[in-house]
Amino acid sequence: MAIELPTSKIPAEVQDPKRLIIFSKPKRGKTTALANLDNCLIVDTENGSDYVTALKVKINSIQDINDLCKQLKAANYPYDFIALDTITMLEDVCKPLALKLYQATAAGANYTGDIINAPNGAGWGHLRTAVEMVIDKVESCTRNLILVCHCKDAAIDKSELTIKQIDLSGKLGRILAAKADAIGLLDRDEDSNTILSFDTSDKFTECGARPAHLKNAIIKLGEMKPDGQLEFHWERIYPSLLEK
């Protein structure tokens, strides 16, 4: 079929970020926030969901991932959201697959050690490929994928300034960031509200978003109520939730 050139601007077709990255320091409330997202399956890679009531499964191997995806397919993909919590630990889960990929090459045919220690740094590229393969496989089982990561917090020139980046090996953080529709830094404010920031004005933080409602936005995702309970507002991230 021939391509028709547009004669006017075409409106945005979606508002929800189909692939969202949330990163923060540990123990900032990422898993608690996800537990309060309706119909979100938390795929726990680091036993971080034991203290929350949620839709959750634990995975410790590539076989677990394969089995999970088979069950999701058999159940006709029942979850609106799947959160991989965390991608930082998923790297370790993917090491056997990365080693298998390396061993399929001429250079790695006889290698049996840790993929990270492969000669000439060859293992890193295969680890990135393995992680991307797993993420893509899980993403095919849901409409919206959330990648949960820890963040680095490194001092710059020994000053008080810090730079917060996704804590992943080598180029993997940049690759995943490039493929994400939105990247938000999660933290708590002085009133214990849960804040998800997509603000790009801070050059020391790796954030941003394609959806118009999230660009440079600082979202109060969880509001602390007078009774001491957090009330979460995921519709501020996913406007389609308001339609349900």
C-alpha atoms as a PDB file:
ATOM      1  CA  MET A   1       0.000   0.000   0.000  1.00  0.00           C
ATOM      2  CA  ALA A   2       1.346   3.415  -0.951  1.00  0.00           C
ATOM      3  CA  ILE A   3       2.242   5.859   1.813  1.00  0.00           C
ATOM      4  CA  GLU A   4      -0.032   8.898   1.964  1.00  0.00           C
ATOM      5  CA  LEU A   5       1.666  12.140   2.977  1.00  0.00           C
ATOM      6  CA  PRO A   6      -0.181  13.994   5.761  1.00  0.00           C
ATOM      7  CA  THR A   7      -1.682  17.377   4.941  1.00  0.00           C
ATOM      8  CA  SER A   8      -2.142  18.406   8.590  1.00  0.00           C
ATOM      9  CA  LYS A   9      -0.638  17.593  11.949  1.00  0.00           C
ATOM     10  CA  ILE A  10      -1.713  14.210  13.324  1.00  0.00           C
ATOM     11  CA  PRO A  11      -2.770  14.272  17.008  1.00  0.00           C
ATOM     12  CA  ALA A  12      -0.902  12.219  19.599  1.00  0.00           C
ATOM     13  CA  GLU A  13      -2.295   8.689  19.659  1.00  0.00           C
ATOM     14  CA  VAL A  14      -1.364   7.687  23.226  1.00  0.00           C
ATOM     15  CA  GLN A  15      -0.690   9.388  26.553  1.00  0.00           C
ATOM     16  CA  ASP A  16       0.329   6.479  28.755  1.00  0.00           C
ATOM     17  CA  PRO A  17       4.053   5.648  28.779  1.00  0.00           C
ATOM     18  CA  LYS A  18       4.195   2.116  27.385  1.00  0.00           C
ATOM     19  CA  ARG A  19       7.677   1.617  28.829  1.00  0.00           C
ATOM     20  CA  LEU A  20       8.378   3.507  32.031  1.00  0.00           C
ATOM     21  CA  ILE A  21      11.641   3.494  33.982  1.00  0.00           C
ATOM     22  CA  ILE A  22      11.478   4.326  37.683  1.00  0.00           C
ATOM     23  CA  PHE A  23      14.775   4.656  39.530  1.00  0.00           C
ATOM     24  CA  SER A  24      15.732   5.654  43.036  1.00  0.00           C
ATOM     25  CA  LYS A  25      17.975   4.844  45.920  1.00  0.00           C
ATOM     26  CA  PRO A  26      17.004   1.631  47.770  1.00  0.00           C
ATOM     27  CA  LYS A  27      14.196   1.811  50.344  1.00  0.00           C
ATOM     28  CA  ARG A  28      12.510   4.855  48.859  1.00  0.00           C
ATOM     29  CA  GLY A  29       9.130   3.153  48.301  1.00  0.00           C
ATOM     30  CA  LYS A  30       9.283   1.896  44.709  1.00  0.00           C
ATOM     31  CA  THR A  31       7.746  -1.494  45.479  1.00  0.00           C
ATOM     32  CA  THR A  32       5.081  -0.003  47.762  1.00  0.00           C
ATOM     33  CA  ALA A  33       4.062   2.376  44.983  1.00  0.00           C
ATOM     34  CA  LEU A  34       3.834  -0.467  42.468  1.00  0.00           C
ATOM     35  CA  ALA A  35       1.754  -2.538  44.883  1.00  0.00           C
ATOM     36  CA  ASN A  36      -0.814   0.269  44.746  1.00  0.00           C
ATOM     37  CA  LEU A  37      -1.087   0.256  40.946  1.00  0.00           C
ATOM     38  CA  ASP A  38      -4.225  -1.649  39.954  1.00  0.00           C
ATOM     39  CA  ASN A  39      -3.713  -4.870  38.002  1.00  0.00           C
ATOM     40  CA  CYS A  40       0.084  -4.591  38.096  1.00  0.00           C
ATOM     41  CA  LEU A  41       2.097  -7.787  38.401  1.00  0.00           C
ATOM     42  CA  ILE A  42       5.363  -7.225  40.249  1.00  0.00           C
ATOM     43  CA  VAL A  43       8.086  -9.552  38.987  1.00  0.00           C
ATOM     44  CA  ASP A  44      10.387  -9.578  41.994  1.00  0.00           C
ATOM     45  CA  THR A  45      14.049 -10.300  41.238  1.00  0.00           C
ATOM     46  CA  GLU A  46      15.521  -9.431  44.642  1.00  0.00           C
ATOM     47  CA  ASN A  47      13.025 -10.573  47.282  1.00  0.00           C
ATOM     48  CA  GLY A  48      11.948  -7.004  47.836  1.00  0.00           C
ATOM     49  CA  SER A  49       8.187  -7.621  47.860  1.00  0.00           C
ATOM     50  CA  ASP A  50       7.913  -9.723  51.029  1.00  0.00           C
ATOM     51  CA  TYR A  51       6.562  -6.826  53.079  1.00  0.00           C
ATOM     52  CA  VAL A  52       3.888  -5.613  50.656  1.00  0.00           C
ATOM     53  CA  THR A  53       0.514  -7.001  49.687  1.00  0.00           C
ATOM     54  CA  ALA A  54       0.522  -7.139  45.899  1.00  0.00           C
ATOM     55  CA  LEU A  55       0.123  -9.154  42.742  1.00  0.00           C
ATOM     56  CA  LYS A  56       3.646 -10.589  42.730  1.00  0.00           C
ATOM     57  CA  VAL A  57       5.845 -13.464  41.642  1.00  0.00           C
ATOM     58  CA  LYS A  58       9.498 -14.124  42.415  1.00  0.00           C
ATOM     59  CA  ILE A  59      11.950 -15.108  39.709  1.00  0.00           C
ATOM     60  CA  ASN A  60      15.496 -16.336  40.141  1.00  0.00           C
ATOM     61  CA  SER A  61      16.429 -17.699  36.720  1.00  0.00           C
ATOM     62  CA  ILE A  62      15.846 -17.498  32.991  1.00  0.00           C
ATOM     63  CA  GLN A  63      13.725 -20.629  33.311  1.00  0.00           C
ATOM     64  CA  ASP A  64      11.478 -18.781  35.755  1.00  0.00           C
ATOM     65  CA  ILE A  65      11.064 -15.982  33.186  1.00  0.00           C
ATOM     66  CA  ASN A  66      10.239 -18.482  30.435  1.00  0.00           C
ATOM     67  CA  ASP A  67       7.697 -20.260  32.649  1.00  0.00           C
ATOM     68  CA  LEU A  68       6.109 -16.958  33.658  1.00  0.00           C
ATOM     69  CA  CYS A  69       5.703 -15.810  30.055  1.00  0.00           C
ATOM     70  CA  LYS A  70       4.154 -19.159  29.094  1.00  0.00           C
ATOM     71  CA  GLN A  71       1.613 -18.825  31.901  1.00  0.00           C
ATOM     72  CA  LEU A  72       0.828 -15.244  30.967  1.00  0.00           C
ATOM     73  CA  LYS A  73       0.192 -16.286  27.381  1.00  0.00           C
ATOM     74  CA  ALA A  74      -1.997 -19.204  28.482  1.00  0.00           C
ATOM     75  CA  ALA A  75      -4.009 -16.816  30.664  1.00  0.00           C
ATOM     76  CA  ASN A  76      -4.463 -14.404  27.715  1.00  0.00           C
ATOM     77  CA  TYR A  77      -2.186 -11.730  29.194  1.00  0.00           C
ATOM     78  CA  PRO A  78      -4.332 -10.726  32.195  1.00  0.00           C
ATOM     79  CA  TYR A  79      -2.264  -7.835  33.602  1.00  0.00           C
ATOM     80  CA  ASP A  80      -2.445  -4.239  32.406  1.00  0.00           C
ATOM     81  CA  PHE A  81       0.997  -3.575  33.900  1.00  0.00           C
ATOM     82  CA  ILE A  82       4.061  -5.666  34.606  1.00  0.00           C
ATOM     83  CA  ALA A  83       6.880  -4.248  36.725  1.00  0.00           C
ATOM     84  CA  LEU A  84      10.343  -5.817  36.609  1.00  0.00           C
ATOM     85  CA  ASP A  85      11.654  -5.054  40.091  1.00  0.00           C
ATOM     86  CA  THR A  86      14.573  -4.601  39.750  1.00  0.00           C
ATOM     87  CA  ILE A  87      16.476  -4.472  36.463  1.00  0.00           C
ATOM     88  CA  THR A  88      19.607  -3.977  38.517  1.00  0.00           C
ATOM     89  CA  MET A  89      19.277  -7.566  39.823  1.00  0.00           C
ATOM     90  CA  LEU A  90      17.917  -8.880  36.526  1.00  0.00           C
ATOM     91  CA  GLU A  91      21.451  -8.513  35.161  1.00  0.00           C
ATOM     92  CA  ASP A  92      22.582 -11.319  37.456  1.00  0.00           C
ATOM     93  CA  VAL A  93      19.646 -13.492  36.403  1.00  0.00           C
ATOM     94  CA  CYS A  94      20.633 -12.986  32.753  1.00  0.00           C
ATOM     95  CA  LYS A  95      24.288 -13.971  33.125  1.00  0.00           C
ATOM     96  CA  PRO A  96      23.719 -17.666  32.177  1.00  0.00           C
ATOM     97  CA  LEU A  97      21.878 -16.599  29.018  1.00  0.00           C
ATOM     98  CA  ALA A  98      24.656 -14.133  28.185  1.00  0.00           C
ATOM     99  CA  LEU A  99      27.229 -16.910  28.630  1.00  0.00           C
ATOM    100  CA  LYS A 100      25.229 -19.150  26.304  1.00  0.00           C
ATOM    101  CA  LEU A 101      25.144 -16.392  23.678  1.00  0.00           C
ATOM    102  CA  TYR A 102      28.903 -15.902  23.989  1.00  0.00           C
ATOM    103  CA  GLN A 103      29.578 -19.636  23.756  1.00  0.00           C
ATOM    104  CA  ALA A 104      27.649 -19.659  20.464  1.00  0.00           C
ATOM    105  CA  THR A 105      30.408 -17.505  18.936  1.00  0.00           C
ATOM    106  CA  ALA A 106      33.780 -18.711  17.675  1.00  0.00           C
ATOM    107  CA  ALA A 107      35.630 -16.648  20.282  1.00  0.00           C
ATOM    108  CA  GLY A 108      33.603 -17.974  23.193  1.00  0.00           C
ATOM    109  CA  ALA A 109      33.050 -21.568  22.158  1.00  0.00           C
ATOM    110  CA  ASN A 110      35.274 -22.985  24.911  1.00  0.00           C
ATOM    111  CA  TYR A 111      34.726 -20.333  27.581  1.00  0.00           C
ATOM    112  CA  THR A 112      33.106 -21.506  30.829  1.00  0.00           C
ATOM    113  CA  GLY A 113      33.877 -18.712  33.303  1.00  0.00           C
ATOM    114  CA  ASP A 114      31.880 -15.731  34.514  1.00  0.00           C
ATOM    115  CA  ILE A 115      30.577 -13.850  31.485  1.00  0.00           C
ATOM    116  CA  ILE A 116      31.756 -10.571  33.031  1.00  0.00           C
ATOM    117  CA  ASN A 117      35.341 -11.841  32.939  1.00  0.00           C
ATOM    118  CA  ALA A 118      35.301 -12.931  29.295  1.00  0.00           C
ATOM    119  CA  PRO A 119      38.465 -11.915  27.372  1.00  0.00           C
ATOM    120  CA  ASN A 120      38.686  -8.421  25.916  1.00  0.00           C
ATOM    121  CA  GLY A 121      35.455  -7.332  27.573  1.00  0.00           C
ATOM    122  CA  ALA A 122      33.437  -9.462  25.151  1.00  0.00           C
ATOM    123  CA  GLY A 123      30.964 -10.471  27.824  1.00  0.00           C
ATOM    124  CA  TRP A 124      29.420  -7.056  28.342  1.00  0.00           C
ATOM    125  CA  GLY A 125      27.816  -6.890  24.914  1.00  0.00           C
ATOM    126  CA  HIS A 126      26.300 -10.343  25.350  1.00  0.00           C
ATOM    127  CA  LEU A 127      25.009  -9.407  28.800  1.00  0.00           C
ATOM    128  CA  ARG A 128      23.308  -6.325  27.344  1.00  0.00           C
ATOM    129  CA  THR A 129      21.773  -8.476  24.621  1.00  0.00           C
ATOM    130  CA  ALA A 130      20.552 -11.034  27.158  1.00  0.00           C
ATOM    131  CA  VAL A 131      18.922  -8.405  29.368  1.00  0.00           C
ATOM    132  CA  GLU A 132      17.232  -6.759  26.369  1.00  0.00           C
ATOM    133  CA  MET A 133      15.954 -10.149  25.183  1.00  0.00           C
ATOM    134  CA  VAL A 134      14.379 -10.856  28.567  1.00  0.00           C
ATOM    135  CA  ILE A 135      12.858  -7.384  28.844  1.00  0.00           C
ATOM    136  CA  ASP A 136      11.396  -7.621  25.324  1.00  0.00           C
ATOM    137  CA  LYS A 137       9.939 -11.039  26.127  1.00  0.00           C
ATOM    138  CA  VAL A 138       8.199  -9.788  29.262  1.00  0.00           C
ATOM    139  CA  GLU A 139       7.062  -6.624  27.471  1.00  0.00           C
ATOM    140  CA  SER A 140       5.274  -8.761  24.879  1.00  0.00           C
ATOM    141  CA  CYS A 141       3.051 -10.057  27.701  1.00  0.00           C
ATOM    142  CA  THR A 142       1.526  -6.743  28.774  1.00  0.00           C
ATOM    143  CA  ARG A 143       0.349  -3.366  27.521  1.00  0.00           C
ATOM    144  CA  ASN A 144       2.549  -1.358  29.874  1.00  0.00           C
ATOM    145  CA  LEU A 145       5.997  -2.308  31.179  1.00  0.00           C
ATOM    146  CA  ILE A 146       7.666  -0.685  34.182  1.00  0.00           C
ATOM    147  CA  LEU A 147      11.396  -1.141  34.687  1.00  0.00           C
ATOM    148  CA  VAL A 148      12.499  -0.534  38.263  1.00  0.00           C
ATOM    149  CA  CYS A 149      16.149   0.328  38.879  1.00  0.00           C
ATOM    150  CA  HIS A 150      18.423   1.447  41.648  1.00  0.00           C
ATOM    151  CA  CYS A 151      20.415   4.595  41.023  1.00  0.00           C
ATOM    152  CA  LYS A 152      23.997   5.619  41.377  1.00  0.00           C
ATOM    153  CA  ASP A 153      24.650   8.710  43.451  1.00  0.00           C
ATOM    154  CA  ALA A 154      28.211   9.848  42.827  1.00  0.00           C
ATOM    155  CA  ALA A 155      29.851  13.074  43.957  1.00  0.00           C
ATOM    156  CA  ILE A 156      31.166  15.451  41.307  1.00  0.00           C
ATOM    157  CA  ASP A 157      34.500  17.168  41.961  1.00  0.00           C
ATOM    158  CA  LYS A 158      34.048  16.500  45.695  1.00  0.00           C
ATOM    159  CA  SER A 159      31.430  19.239  45.876  1.00  0.00           C
ATOM    160  CA  GLU A 160      27.959  18.937  47.344  1.00  0.00           C
ATOM    161  CA  LEU A 161      26.517  18.298  43.890  1.00  0.00           C
ATOM    162  CA  THR A 162      25.585  14.753  42.955  1.00  0.00           C
ATOM    163  CA  ILE A 163      24.654  12.991  39.748  1.00  0.00           C
ATOM    164  CA  LYS A 164      21.930  10.351  39.846  1.00  0.00           C
ATOM    165  CA  GLN A 165      22.067   7.726  37.114  1.00  0.00           C
ATOM    166  CA  ILE A 166      20.510   4.342  36.447  1.00  0.00           C
ATOM    167  CA  ASP A 167      22.664   1.725  38.181  1.00  0.00           C
ATOM    168  CA  LEU A 168      23.328  -0.718  35.343  1.00  0.00           C
ATOM    169  CA  SER A 169      26.497  -2.090  33.818  1.00  0.00           C
ATOM    170  CA  GLY A 170      28.307  -0.386  30.959  1.00  0.00           C
ATOM    171  CA  LYS A 171      26.056   1.018  28.248  1.00  0.00           C
ATOM    172  CA  LEU A 172      22.927  -0.860  29.314  1.00  0.00           C
ATOM    173  CA  GLY A 173      21.469   2.050  31.266  1.00  0.00           C
ATOM    174  CA  ARG A 174      21.766   4.393  28.296  1.00  0.00           C
ATOM    175  CA  ILE A 175      20.310   1.815  25.915  1.00  0.00           C
ATOM    176  CA  LEU A 176      17.266   1.169  28.098  1.00  0.00           C
ATOM    177  CA  ALA A 177      16.817   4.895  28.697  1.00  0.00           C
ATOM    178  CA  ALA A 178      16.769   5.550  24.950  1.00  0.00           C
ATOM    179  CA  LYS A 179      13.986   2.985  24.500  1.00  0.00           C
ATOM    180  CA  ALA A 180      11.857   4.249  27.383  1.00  0.00           C
ATOM    181  CA  ASP A 181       8.889   6.575  26.954  1.00  0.00           C
ATOM    182  CA  ALA A 182       9.492   8.129  30.361  1.00  0.00           C
ATOM    183  CA  ILE A 183      12.197   8.020  33.047  1.00  0.00           C
ATOM    184  CA  GLY A 184      11.356   9.180  36.537  1.00  0.00           C
ATOM    185  CA  LEU A 185      13.367   9.601  39.731  1.00  0.00           C
ATOM    186  CA  LEU A 186      11.356   8.488  42.761  1.00  0.00           C
ATOM    187  CA  ASP A 187      11.919   9.942  46.219  1.00  0.00           C
ATOM    188  CA  ARG A 188      10.098  11.189  49.296  1.00  0.00           C
ATOM    189  CA  ASP A 189       9.652  14.840  50.217  1.00  0.00           C
ATOM    190  CA  GLU A 190       9.807  16.359  53.695  1.00  0.00           C
ATOM    191  CA  ASP A 191       6.126  15.484  54.261  1.00  0.00           C
ATOM    192  CA  SER A 192       6.697  11.788  53.358  1.00  0.00           C
ATOM    193  CA  ASN A 193       4.836  12.136  50.053  1.00  0.00           C
ATOM    194  CA  THR A 194       6.111   9.916  47.241  1.00  0.00           C
ATOM    195  CA  ILE A 195       7.394  12.099  44.408  1.00  0.00           C
ATOM    196  CA  LEU A 196       8.148  10.935  40.863  1.00  0.00           C
ATOM    197  CA  SER A 197      10.171  13.533  38.967  1.00  0.00           C
ATOM    198  CA  PHE A 198      10.552  13.749  35.191  1.00  0.00           C
ATOM    199  CA  ASP A 199      12.221  17.149  35.467  1.00  0.00           C
ATOM    200  CA  THR A 200      14.995  17.592  32.896  1.00  0.00           C
ATOM    201  CA  SER A 201      16.060  21.029  34.114  1.00  0.00           C
ATOM    202  CA  ASP A 202      18.370  19.377  36.643  1.00  0.00           C
ATOM    203  CA  LYS A 203      21.392  18.434  34.507  1.00  0.00           C
ATOM    204  CA  PHE A 204      22.611  16.117  37.258  1.00  0.00           C
ATOM    205  CA  THR A 205      19.644  13.763  36.991  1.00  0.00           C
ATOM    206  CA  GLU A 206      18.838  11.332  34.185  1.00  0.00           C
ATOM    207  CA  CYS A 207      15.108  11.942  33.694  1.00  0.00           C
ATOM    208  CA  GLY A 208      12.693  12.833  30.921  1.00  0.00           C
ATOM    209  CA  ALA A 209       9.462  11.874  29.156  1.00  0.00           C
ATOM    210  CA  ARG A 210       7.821  11.756  25.738  1.00  0.00           C
ATOM    211  CA  PRO A 211       4.147  12.027  26.864  1.00  0.00           C
ATOM    212  CA  ALA A 212       3.187  15.698  27.038  1.00  0.00           C
ATOM    213  CA  HIS A 213       1.664  15.493  30.533  1.00  0.00           C
ATOM    214  CA  LEU A 214       4.923  14.133  31.974  1.00  0.00           C
ATOM    215  CA  LYS A 215       7.453  16.423  30.293  1.00  0.00           C
ATOM    216  CA  ASN A 216       9.449  18.185  33.023  1.00  0.00           C
ATOM    217  CA  ALA A 217       6.682  17.268  35.467  1.00  0.00           C
ATOM    218  CA  ILE A 218       7.148  16.608  39.172  1.00  0.00           C
ATOM    219  CA  ILE A 219       4.313  14.279  40.120  1.00  0.00           C
ATOM    220  CA  LYS A 220       3.015  13.719  43.637  1.00  0.00           C
ATOM    221  CA  LEU A 221       2.429  10.008  43.115  1.00  0.00           C
ATOM    222  CA  GLY A 222       1.694   9.120  46.732  1.00  0.00           C
ATOM    223  CA  GLU A 223       0.037  11.637  49.068  1.00  0.00           C
ATOM    224  CA  MET A 224       0.357  11.231  52.838  1.00  0.00           C
ATOM    225  CA  LYS A 225      -3.083  11.494  54.424  1.00  0.00           C
ATOM    226  CA  PRO A 226      -3.826  12.737  57.989  1.00  0.00           C
ATOM    227  CA  ASP A 227      -4.276   9.118  59.141  1.00  0.00           C
ATOM    228  CA  GLY A 228      -0.669   8.344  58.151  1.00  0.00           C
ATOM    229  CA  GLN A 229      -1.594   6.307  55.069  1.00  0.00           C
ATOM    230  CA  LEU A 230      -0.311   6.983  51.568  1.00  0.00           C
ATOM    231  CA  GLU A 231      -2.916   7.485  48.847  1.00  0.00           C
ATOM    232  CA  PHE A 232      -1.493   6.780  45.399  1.00  0.00           C
ATOM    233  CA  HIS A 233      -2.531   8.527  42.179  1.00  0.00           C
ATOM    234  CA  TRP A 234      -1.232   6.458  39.280  1.00  0.00           C
ATOM    235  CA  GLU A 235      -3.744   8.179  36.997  1.00  0.00           C
ATOM    236  CA  ARG A 236      -1.328  11.113  37.066  1.00  0.00           C
ATOM    237  CA  ILE A 237       1.116   8.886  35.192  1.00  0.00           C
ATOM    238  CA  TYR A 238      -1.380   6.791  33.219  1.00  0.00           C
ATOM    239  CA  PRO A 239      -4.359   8.994  32.220  1.00  0.00           C
ATOM    240  CA  SER A 240      -6.191   5.992  30.747  1.00  0.00           C
ATOM    241  CA  LEU A 241      -6.868   4.811  34.314  1.00  0.00           C
ATOM    242  CA  LEU A 242      -9.399   7.641  34.592  1.00  0.00           C
ATOM    243  CA  GLU A 243     -11.439   6.009  31.817  1.00  0.00           C
ATOM    244  CA  LYS A 244     -12.058   2.844  33.820  1.00  0.00           C
END
